Amino acid sequence: MESVERYRHDQFLRLYVEHEEDLRGFVRSLVPTLEDAREVLQETAALLWRKFDDLDSTENFRRWAFGVARMEALTFRRDRARDRHVFSEDLIRLLEAEAEEAAVQGYREVRALEACLKKLPQVQRTSLETAYSTGARIDEMALASGRTPMALYKVLHRLRMTLADCIRMTLEREEGTA
């Protein structure tokens, strides 16, 4: 693979993976079943790659990808128009707007959570990461830290409440400056 082609391929993959979860949720809101969403998302990904050179700026990838996904979902729906489970155009527009809003809000919340986690002391961050890692057991963590399981649950609860407050304030600040 030529160096320029490899660069474009890598650039596309990075952008696609960054936005794939939001795109999946968006497409899922536009078609009736999970299987339909998979099919539309697969067609969307193939089309995005084929038309990637048409993208004017990588900063616009998300909006561009959502537009392509919307058109693919509409094409999918048109092709299955005889199915009684097909959504009306008005409902599709409503679901589309709500899905895009939810995706943006989810992205903002994740960014706020990451910023709030960075504000915690390392010991607290480590406790949270350990407690919420796969296979973690509170009884083992409590024993290792010299606490009772109930005491550890209370510590984790306070940390979650601290993070929730921080996220809420961060989002409110963002909305105030937007």
C-alpha atoms as a PDB file:
ATOM      1  CA  MET A   1       0.000   0.000   0.000  1.00  0.00           C
ATOM      2  CA  GLU A   2       1.358   3.362  -1.008  1.00  0.00           C
ATOM      3  CA  SER A   3       2.352   5.731   1.810  1.00  0.00           C
ATOM      4  CA  VAL A   4      -0.327   8.382   1.015  1.00  0.00           C
ATOM      5  CA  GLU A   5      -3.001   5.708   0.672  1.00  0.00           C
ATOM      6  CA  ARG A   6      -1.937   4.122   3.968  1.00  0.00           C
ATOM      7  CA  TYR A   7      -2.102   7.532   5.673  1.00  0.00           C
ATOM      8  CA  ARG A   8      -5.654   8.169   4.360  1.00  0.00           C
ATOM      9  CA  HIS A   9      -6.703   4.664   5.384  1.00  0.00           C
ATOM     10  CA  ASP A  10      -5.332   5.156   8.909  1.00  0.00           C
ATOM     11  CA  GLN A  11      -6.906   8.611   9.115  1.00  0.00           C
ATOM     12  CA  PHE A  12     -10.308   7.220   8.088  1.00  0.00           C
ATOM     13  CA  LEU A  13     -10.092   4.343  10.577  1.00  0.00           C
ATOM     14  CA  ARG A  14      -9.209   6.666  13.451  1.00  0.00           C
ATOM     15  CA  LEU A  15     -12.111   8.984  12.675  1.00  0.00           C
ATOM     16  CA  TYR A  16     -14.557   6.145  12.113  1.00  0.00           C
ATOM     17  CA  VAL A  17     -13.642   4.360  15.340  1.00  0.00           C
ATOM     18  CA  GLU A  18     -13.852   7.644  17.269  1.00  0.00           C
ATOM     19  CA  HIS A  19     -17.443   8.207  16.095  1.00  0.00           C
ATOM     20  CA  GLU A  20     -18.645   4.625  15.585  1.00  0.00           C
ATOM     21  CA  GLU A  21     -20.569   4.319  18.856  1.00  0.00           C
ATOM     22  CA  ASP A  22     -22.517   7.550  18.277  1.00  0.00           C
ATOM     23  CA  LEU A  23     -23.109   6.604  14.658  1.00  0.00           C
ATOM     24  CA  ARG A  24     -24.399   3.178  15.705  1.00  0.00           C
ATOM     25  CA  GLY A  25     -26.846   4.755  18.156  1.00  0.00           C
ATOM     26  CA  PHE A  26     -27.960   7.250  15.533  1.00  0.00           C
ATOM     27  CA  VAL A  27     -28.590   4.561  12.912  1.00  0.00           C
ATOM     28  CA  ARG A  28     -30.332   2.367  15.487  1.00  0.00           C
ATOM     29  CA  SER A  29     -32.786   5.178  16.155  1.00  0.00           C
ATOM     30  CA  LEU A  30     -33.690   5.402  12.458  1.00  0.00           C
ATOM     31  CA  VAL A  31     -34.496   1.768  11.669  1.00  0.00           C
ATOM     32  CA  PRO A  32     -36.824  -0.683  13.422  1.00  0.00           C
ATOM     33  CA  THR A  33     -34.490  -3.534  14.382  1.00  0.00           C
ATOM     34  CA  LEU A  34     -30.954  -4.137  15.548  1.00  0.00           C
ATOM     35  CA  GLU A  35     -30.320  -6.313  12.503  1.00  0.00           C
ATOM     36  CA  ASP A  36     -31.500  -3.497  10.215  1.00  0.00           C
ATOM     37  CA  ALA A  37     -29.172  -1.101  12.031  1.00  0.00           C
ATOM     38  CA  ARG A  38     -26.230  -3.465  11.504  1.00  0.00           C
ATOM     39  CA  GLU A  39     -26.990  -3.671   7.804  1.00  0.00           C
ATOM     40  CA  VAL A  40     -27.349   0.110   7.425  1.00  0.00           C
ATOM     41  CA  LEU A  41     -24.201   0.750   9.474  1.00  0.00           C
ATOM     42  CA  GLN A  42     -22.239  -1.705   7.337  1.00  0.00           C
ATOM     43  CA  GLU A  43     -23.407   0.006   4.145  1.00  0.00           C
ATOM     44  CA  THR A  44     -22.677   3.395   5.700  1.00  0.00           C
ATOM     45  CA  ALA A  45     -19.119   2.395   6.642  1.00  0.00           C
ATOM     46  CA  ALA A  46     -18.428   1.101   3.135  1.00  0.00           C
ATOM     47  CA  LEU A  47     -19.826   4.268   1.565  1.00  0.00           C
ATOM     48  CA  LEU A  48     -17.908   6.519   3.972  1.00  0.00           C
ATOM     49  CA  TRP A  49     -14.671   4.808   2.971  1.00  0.00           C
ATOM     50  CA  ARG A  50     -15.452   5.006  -0.760  1.00  0.00           C
ATOM     51  CA  LYS A  51     -16.294   8.723  -0.481  1.00  0.00           C
ATOM     52  CA  PHE A  52     -13.679   9.666   2.144  1.00  0.00           C
ATOM     53  CA  ASP A  53     -11.707  11.702  -0.389  1.00  0.00           C
ATOM     54  CA  ASP A  54     -14.817  13.909  -0.856  1.00  0.00           C
ATOM     55  CA  LEU A  55     -14.690  15.010   2.800  1.00  0.00           C
ATOM     56  CA  ASP A  56     -13.623  18.663   2.891  1.00  0.00           C
ATOM     57  CA  SER A  57     -12.172  18.590   6.431  1.00  0.00           C
ATOM     58  CA  THR A  58     -11.638  15.833   8.986  1.00  0.00           C
ATOM     59  CA  GLU A  59     -13.158  18.195  11.574  1.00  0.00           C
ATOM     60  CA  ASN A  60     -16.474  17.729   9.755  1.00  0.00           C
ATOM     61  CA  PHE A  61     -16.277  13.920   9.763  1.00  0.00           C
ATOM     62  CA  ARG A  62     -18.962  13.396  12.414  1.00  0.00           C
ATOM     63  CA  ARG A  63     -21.549  15.608  10.727  1.00  0.00           C
ATOM     64  CA  TRP A  64     -20.683  14.160   7.320  1.00  0.00           C
ATOM     65  CA  ALA A  65     -20.910  10.577   8.602  1.00  0.00           C
ATOM     66  CA  PHE A  66     -24.281  11.276  10.250  1.00  0.00           C
ATOM     67  CA  GLY A  67     -25.558  12.727   6.945  1.00  0.00           C
ATOM     68  CA  VAL A  68     -24.400   9.687   5.003  1.00  0.00           C
ATOM     69  CA  ALA A  69     -25.933   7.386   7.631  1.00  0.00           C
ATOM     70  CA  ARG A  70     -29.241   9.278   7.424  1.00  0.00           C
ATOM     71  CA  MET A  71     -29.315   8.853   3.634  1.00  0.00           C
ATOM     72  CA  GLU A  72     -28.453   5.156   3.927  1.00  0.00           C
ATOM     73  CA  ALA A  73     -31.231   4.664   6.495  1.00  0.00           C
ATOM     74  CA  LEU A  74     -33.720   6.439   4.214  1.00  0.00           C
ATOM     75  CA  THR A  75     -32.613   4.296   1.276  1.00  0.00           C
ATOM     76  CA  PHE A  76     -32.975   1.196   3.427  1.00  0.00           C
ATOM     77  CA  ARG A  77     -36.457   2.295   4.501  1.00  0.00           C
ATOM     78  CA  ARG A  78     -37.496   3.100   0.929  1.00  0.00           C
ATOM     79  CA  ASP A  79     -36.358  -0.336  -0.203  1.00  0.00           C
ATOM     80  CA  ARG A  80     -38.534  -1.901   2.499  1.00  0.00           C
ATOM     81  CA  ALA A  81     -41.454   0.498   2.168  1.00  0.00           C
ATOM     82  CA  ARG A  82     -44.013  -2.298   1.947  1.00  0.00           C
ATOM     83  CA  ASP A  83     -43.164  -3.498   5.442  1.00  0.00           C
ATOM     84  CA  ARG A  84     -45.826  -2.282   7.884  1.00  0.00           C
ATOM     85  CA  HIS A  85     -43.134  -1.649  10.536  1.00  0.00           C
ATOM     86  CA  VAL A  86     -41.511   1.194   8.619  1.00  0.00           C
ATOM     87  CA  PHE A  87     -41.469   4.534  10.465  1.00  0.00           C
ATOM     88  CA  SER A  88     -43.053   7.659   8.979  1.00  0.00           C
ATOM     89  CA  GLU A  89     -40.817  10.463   7.703  1.00  0.00           C
ATOM     90  CA  ASP A  90     -41.926  12.728  10.584  1.00  0.00           C
ATOM     91  CA  LEU A  91     -41.059  10.092  13.160  1.00  0.00           C
ATOM     92  CA  ILE A  92     -37.694   9.493  11.491  1.00  0.00           C
ATOM     93  CA  ARG A  93     -36.881  13.222  11.685  1.00  0.00           C
ATOM     94  CA  LEU A  94     -37.926  13.334  15.337  1.00  0.00           C
ATOM     95  CA  LEU A  95     -35.884  10.221  16.198  1.00  0.00           C
ATOM     96  CA  GLU A  96     -32.949  11.547  14.214  1.00  0.00           C
ATOM     97  CA  ALA A  97     -32.935  14.839  16.114  1.00  0.00           C
ATOM     98  CA  GLU A  98     -33.249  13.096  19.478  1.00  0.00           C
ATOM     99  CA  ALA A  99     -30.533  10.566  18.641  1.00  0.00           C
ATOM    100  CA  GLU A 100     -28.121  13.262  17.538  1.00  0.00           C
ATOM    101  CA  GLU A 101     -28.855  15.301  20.670  1.00  0.00           C
ATOM    102  CA  ALA A 102     -28.335  12.223  22.867  1.00  0.00           C
ATOM    103  CA  ALA A 103     -25.052  11.427  21.113  1.00  0.00           C
ATOM    104  CA  VAL A 104     -23.780  14.972  21.632  1.00  0.00           C
ATOM    105  CA  GLN A 105     -24.883  14.948  25.284  1.00  0.00           C
ATOM    106  CA  GLY A 106     -23.220  11.563  25.854  1.00  0.00           C
ATOM    107  CA  TYR A 107     -19.991  12.850  24.341  1.00  0.00           C
ATOM    108  CA  ARG A 108     -20.109  15.946  26.577  1.00  0.00           C
ATOM    109  CA  GLU A 109     -20.753  13.800  29.660  1.00  0.00           C
ATOM    110  CA  VAL A 110     -17.834  11.476  28.898  1.00  0.00           C
ATOM    111  CA  ARG A 111     -15.526  14.481  28.381  1.00  0.00           C
ATOM    112  CA  ALA A 112     -16.721  15.968  31.684  1.00  0.00           C
ATOM    113  CA  LEU A 113     -16.199  12.644  33.482  1.00  0.00           C
ATOM    114  CA  GLU A 114     -12.648  12.377  32.143  1.00  0.00           C
ATOM    115  CA  ALA A 115     -11.883  15.943  33.279  1.00  0.00           C
ATOM    116  CA  CYS A 116     -13.408  15.313  36.724  1.00  0.00           C
ATOM    117  CA  LEU A 117     -11.475  12.067  37.164  1.00  0.00           C
ATOM    118  CA  LYS A 118      -8.247  13.972  36.482  1.00  0.00           C
ATOM    119  CA  LYS A 119      -9.095  16.357  39.333  1.00  0.00           C
ATOM    120  CA  LEU A 120      -9.263  13.525  41.881  1.00  0.00           C
ATOM    121  CA  PRO A 121      -6.156  12.609  43.864  1.00  0.00           C
ATOM    122  CA  GLN A 122      -4.330   9.606  42.409  1.00  0.00           C
ATOM    123  CA  VAL A 123      -5.292   7.375  45.367  1.00  0.00           C
ATOM    124  CA  GLN A 124      -8.993   8.018  44.756  1.00  0.00           C
ATOM    125  CA  ARG A 125      -8.667   7.513  40.987  1.00  0.00           C
ATOM    126  CA  THR A 126      -6.881   4.229  41.592  1.00  0.00           C
ATOM    127  CA  SER A 127      -9.612   3.089  44.004  1.00  0.00           C
ATOM    128  CA  LEU A 128     -12.287   3.822  41.417  1.00  0.00           C
ATOM    129  CA  GLU A 129     -10.379   2.183  38.572  1.00  0.00           C
ATOM    130  CA  THR A 130      -9.757  -0.911  40.687  1.00  0.00           C
ATOM    131  CA  ALA A 131     -13.344  -1.133  41.936  1.00  0.00           C
ATOM    132  CA  TYR A 132     -14.805  -0.847  38.439  1.00  0.00           C
ATOM    133  CA  SER A 133     -12.337  -3.056  36.620  1.00  0.00           C
ATOM    134  CA  THR A 134     -13.477  -6.399  35.286  1.00  0.00           C
ATOM    135  CA  GLY A 135     -13.494  -9.106  37.931  1.00  0.00           C
ATOM    136  CA  ALA A 136     -13.019  -6.690  40.829  1.00  0.00           C
ATOM    137  CA  ARG A 137     -14.269  -7.906  44.206  1.00  0.00           C
ATOM    138  CA  ILE A 138     -15.107  -5.410  46.898  1.00  0.00           C
ATOM    139  CA  ASP A 139     -14.396  -7.882  49.691  1.00  0.00           C
ATOM    140  CA  GLU A 140     -10.847  -8.415  48.383  1.00  0.00           C
ATOM    141  CA  MET A 141     -10.301  -4.677  47.885  1.00  0.00           C
ATOM    142  CA  ALA A 142     -11.590  -3.971  51.400  1.00  0.00           C
ATOM    143  CA  LEU A 143      -9.267  -6.563  52.902  1.00  0.00           C
ATOM    144  CA  ALA A 144      -6.287  -5.162  50.980  1.00  0.00           C
ATOM    145  CA  SER A 145      -7.077  -1.607  52.120  1.00  0.00           C
ATOM    146  CA  GLY A 146      -7.746  -2.549  55.755  1.00  0.00           C
ATOM    147  CA  ARG A 147     -11.422  -1.531  55.570  1.00  0.00           C
ATOM    148  CA  THR A 148     -14.666  -3.408  55.898  1.00  0.00           C
ATOM    149  CA  PRO A 149     -16.594  -3.972  52.671  1.00  0.00           C
ATOM    150  CA  MET A 150     -19.319  -1.571  53.917  1.00  0.00           C
ATOM    151  CA  ALA A 151     -16.731   1.136  54.616  1.00  0.00           C
ATOM    152  CA  LEU A 152     -15.333   0.685  51.106  1.00  0.00           C
ATOM    153  CA  TYR A 153     -18.824   0.863  49.603  1.00  0.00           C
ATOM    154  CA  LYS A 154     -19.327   4.170  51.438  1.00  0.00           C
ATOM    155  CA  VAL A 155     -16.006   5.545  50.167  1.00  0.00           C
ATOM    156  CA  LEU A 156     -16.904   4.562  46.600  1.00  0.00           C
ATOM    157  CA  HIS A 157     -20.363   6.078  47.000  1.00  0.00           C
ATOM    158  CA  ARG A 158     -18.877   9.401  48.157  1.00  0.00           C
ATOM    159  CA  LEU A 159     -16.460   9.358  45.206  1.00  0.00           C
ATOM    160  CA  ARG A 160     -19.334   8.715  42.780  1.00  0.00           C
ATOM    161  CA  MET A 161     -21.305  11.583  44.302  1.00  0.00           C
ATOM    162  CA  THR A 162     -18.247  13.865  44.038  1.00  0.00           C
ATOM    163  CA  LEU A 163     -17.854  12.912  40.374  1.00  0.00           C
ATOM    164  CA  ALA A 164     -21.576  13.388  39.697  1.00  0.00           C
ATOM    165  CA  ASP A 165     -21.466  16.888  41.214  1.00  0.00           C
ATOM    166  CA  CYS A 166     -18.313  17.752  39.272  1.00  0.00           C
ATOM    167  CA  ILE A 167     -19.847  16.500  35.999  1.00  0.00           C
ATOM    168  CA  ARG A 168     -23.060  18.444  36.621  1.00  0.00           C
ATOM    169  CA  MET A 169     -21.135  21.666  37.372  1.00  0.00           C
ATOM    170  CA  THR A 170     -18.846  21.154  34.360  1.00  0.00           C
ATOM    171  CA  LEU A 171     -21.826  20.693  32.040  1.00  0.00           C
ATOM    172  CA  GLU A 172     -23.612  23.696  33.542  1.00  0.00           C
ATOM    173  CA  ARG A 173     -20.471  25.820  33.008  1.00  0.00           C
ATOM    174  CA  GLU A 174     -20.271  24.642  29.394  1.00  0.00           C
ATOM    175  CA  GLU A 175     -23.935  25.474  28.812  1.00  0.00           C
ATOM    176  CA  GLY A 176     -23.382  28.898  30.358  1.00  0.00           C
ATOM    177  CA  THR A 177     -20.546  29.636  27.933  1.00  0.00           C
ATOM    178  CA  ALA A 178     -22.200  28.108  24.868  1.00  0.00           C
END
